[in-house]
C-alpha atoms as a PDB file:
ATOM      1  CA  UNK A   1     142.259   4.521 125.653  1.00  0.00           C
ATOM      2  CA  UNK A   2     139.423   5.081 122.970  1.00  0.00           C
ATOM      3  CA  UNK A   3     136.291   7.493 124.445  1.00  0.00           C
ATOM      4  CA  UNK A   4     133.814   5.313 125.388  1.00  0.00           C
ATOM      5  CA  UNK A   5     130.515   5.463 123.166  1.00  0.00           C
ATOM      6  CA  UNK A   6     126.639   6.046 124.237  1.00  0.00           C
ATOM      7  CA  UNK A   7     126.176   2.487 124.250  1.00  0.00           C
ATOM      8  CA  UNK A   8     128.862   2.021 126.316  1.00  0.00           C
ATOM      9  CA  UNK A   9     127.816   4.401 128.636  1.00  0.00           C
ATOM     10  CA  UNK A  10     124.096   3.460 128.827  1.00  0.00           C
ATOM     11  CA  UNK A  11     125.128  -0.100 129.210  1.00  0.00           C
ATOM     12  CA  UNK A  12     127.501   1.817 132.072  1.00  0.00           C
ATOM     13  CA  UNK A  13     124.161   3.335 133.145  1.00  0.00           C
ATOM     14  CA  UNK A  14     122.432   0.132 133.446  1.00  0.00           C
ATOM     15  CA  UNK A  15     124.938  -1.517 135.736  1.00  0.00           C
ATOM     16  CA  UNK A  16     124.432   1.535 138.171  1.00  0.00           C
ATOM     17  CA  UNK A  17     120.646   1.593 138.272  1.00  0.00           C
ATOM     18  CA  UNK A  18     121.283  -2.580 138.555  1.00  0.00           C
ATOM     19  CA  UNK A  19     123.826  -1.740 142.130  1.00  0.00           C
ATOM     20  CA  UNK A  20     121.361   0.542 143.799  1.00  0.00           C
ATOM     21  CA  UNK A  21     123.144   3.884 142.903  1.00  0.00           C
ATOM     22  CA  UNK A  22     119.991   5.379 141.198  1.00  0.00           C
ATOM     23  CA  UNK A  23     121.210   8.894 141.855  1.00  0.00           C
ATOM     24  CA  UNK A  24     124.884   8.562 140.169  1.00  0.00           C
ATOM     25  CA  UNK A  25     123.286   7.109 137.174  1.00  0.00           C
ATOM     26  CA  UNK A  26     119.809   9.303 136.761  1.00  0.00           C
ATOM     27  CA  UNK A  27     122.661  11.739 136.694  1.00  0.00           C
ATOM     28  CA  UNK A  28     124.281  10.021 134.105  1.00  0.00           C
ATOM     29  CA  UNK A  29     120.747   9.296 132.094  1.00  0.00           C
ATOM     30  CA  UNK A  30     120.204  12.756 131.998  1.00  0.00           C
ATOM     31  CA  UNK A  31     123.609  13.361 130.462  1.00  0.00           C
ATOM     32  CA  UNK A  32     123.236  10.534 127.729  1.00  0.00           C
ATOM     33  CA  UNK A  33     120.184  11.595 126.780  1.00  0.00           C
ATOM     34  CA  UNK A  34     121.159  15.345 126.236  1.00  0.00           C
ATOM     35  CA  UNK A  35     123.854  13.799 124.374  1.00  0.00           C
ATOM     36  CA  UNK A  36     121.197  11.779 122.154  1.00  0.00           C
ATOM     37  CA  UNK A  37     118.578  13.392 121.409  1.00  0.00           C
ATOM     38  CA  UNK A  38     120.201  15.482 118.298  1.00  0.00           C
ATOM     39  CA  UNK A  39     121.527  12.389 116.902  1.00  0.00           C
ATOM     40  CA  UNK A  40     118.062  11.083 117.160  1.00  0.00           C
ATOM     41  CA  UNK A  41     116.415  14.366 115.493  1.00  0.00           C
ATOM     42  CA  UNK A  42     118.203  12.887 112.301  1.00  0.00           C
ATOM     43  CA  UNK A  43     117.583   9.169 112.596  1.00  0.00           C
ATOM     44  CA  UNK A  44     115.178   7.418 110.032  1.00  0.00           C
ATOM     45  CA  UNK A  45     111.629   7.776 110.487  1.00  0.00           C
ATOM     46  CA  UNK A  46     111.094   3.845 112.095  1.00  0.00           C
ATOM     47  CA  UNK A  47     114.171   4.277 114.289  1.00  0.00           C
ATOM     48  CA  UNK A  48     112.905   8.050 115.650  1.00  0.00           C
ATOM     49  CA  UNK A  49     109.152   6.662 116.111  1.00  0.00           C
ATOM     50  CA  UNK A  50     110.718   4.626 118.952  1.00  0.00           C
ATOM     51  CA  UNK A  51     112.523   7.057 120.819  1.00  0.00           C
ATOM     52  CA  UNK A  52     109.130   8.598 122.516  1.00  0.00           C
ATOM     53  CA  UNK A  53     107.927   5.246 123.059  1.00  0.00           C
ATOM     54  CA  UNK A  54     111.506   3.870 124.968  1.00  0.00           C
ATOM     55  CA  UNK A  55     111.636   7.317 126.471  1.00  0.00           C
ATOM     56  CA  UNK A  56     108.091   7.219 128.144  1.00  0.00           C
ATOM     57  CA  UNK A  57     108.984   3.902 129.577  1.00  0.00           C
ATOM     58  CA  UNK A  58     112.047   4.915 131.379  1.00  0.00           C
ATOM     59  CA  UNK A  59     110.675   7.968 132.954  1.00  0.00           C
ATOM     60  CA  UNK A  60     107.092   5.222 133.970  1.00  0.00           C
ATOM     61  CA  UNK A  61     109.880   3.115 135.494  1.00  0.00           C
ATOM     62  CA  UNK A  62     111.775   5.619 137.520  1.00  0.00           C
ATOM     63  CA  UNK A  63     108.605   7.032 138.760  1.00  0.00           C
ATOM     64  CA  UNK A  64     107.469   4.028 139.719  1.00  0.00           C
ATOM     65  CA  UNK A  65     111.253   3.577 141.553  1.00  0.00           C
ATOM     66  CA  UNK A  66     111.719   0.030 139.398  1.00  0.00           C
ATOM     67  CA  UNK A  67     115.479   0.816 138.856  1.00  0.00           C
ATOM     68  CA  UNK A  68     115.447  -2.682 137.656  1.00  0.00           C
ATOM     69  CA  UNK A  69     113.177  -2.316 134.710  1.00  0.00           C
ATOM     70  CA  UNK A  70     114.762   1.352 134.249  1.00  0.00           C
ATOM     71  CA  UNK A  71     118.257  -0.586 133.760  1.00  0.00           C
ATOM     72  CA  UNK A  72     116.496  -2.987 131.218  1.00  0.00           C
ATOM     73  CA  UNK A  73     114.864  -0.134 129.132  1.00  0.00           C
ATOM     74  CA  UNK A  74     117.985   1.611 128.754  1.00  0.00           C
ATOM     75  CA  UNK A  75     120.073  -1.573 128.113  1.00  0.00           C
ATOM     76  CA  UNK A  76     118.024  -3.366 125.930  1.00  0.00           C
ATOM     77  CA  UNK A  77     115.575  -1.490 124.526  1.00  0.00           C
ATOM     78  CA  UNK A  78     117.706   1.883 124.147  1.00  0.00           C
ATOM     79  CA  UNK A  79     120.919   0.366 122.935  1.00  0.00           C
ATOM     80  CA  UNK A  80     118.918  -0.930 119.735  1.00  0.00           C
ATOM     81  CA  UNK A  81     118.010   1.610 118.851  1.00  0.00           C
ATOM     82  CA  UNK A  82     121.163   3.342 119.087  1.00  0.00           C
ATOM     83  CA  UNK A  83     122.676   0.538 117.157  1.00  0.00           C
ATOM     84  CA  UNK A  84     120.568   1.252 114.129  1.00  0.00           C
ATOM     85  CA  UNK A  85     121.661   4.352 114.152  1.00  0.00           C
ATOM     86  CA  UNK A  86     124.819   3.212 113.605  1.00  0.00           C
END
């Protein structure tokens, strides 16, 4: 079976947030974001400038414990950034 991509893992992480498994999801999210940061360092400017905006939204929603908004940001906003890198 092939190794899951970052996009696959973002979708899985969003699913965990939607299932109210926020601790497991938060740990996975940190791992994904740590692995994603170096990829975005060499991203085109139009993609790289979206990264801090999406991260800010994710962390704001996380602080408010709005897990569905975190899931949406991961699955829709962040996935689009990674697809733009492909």
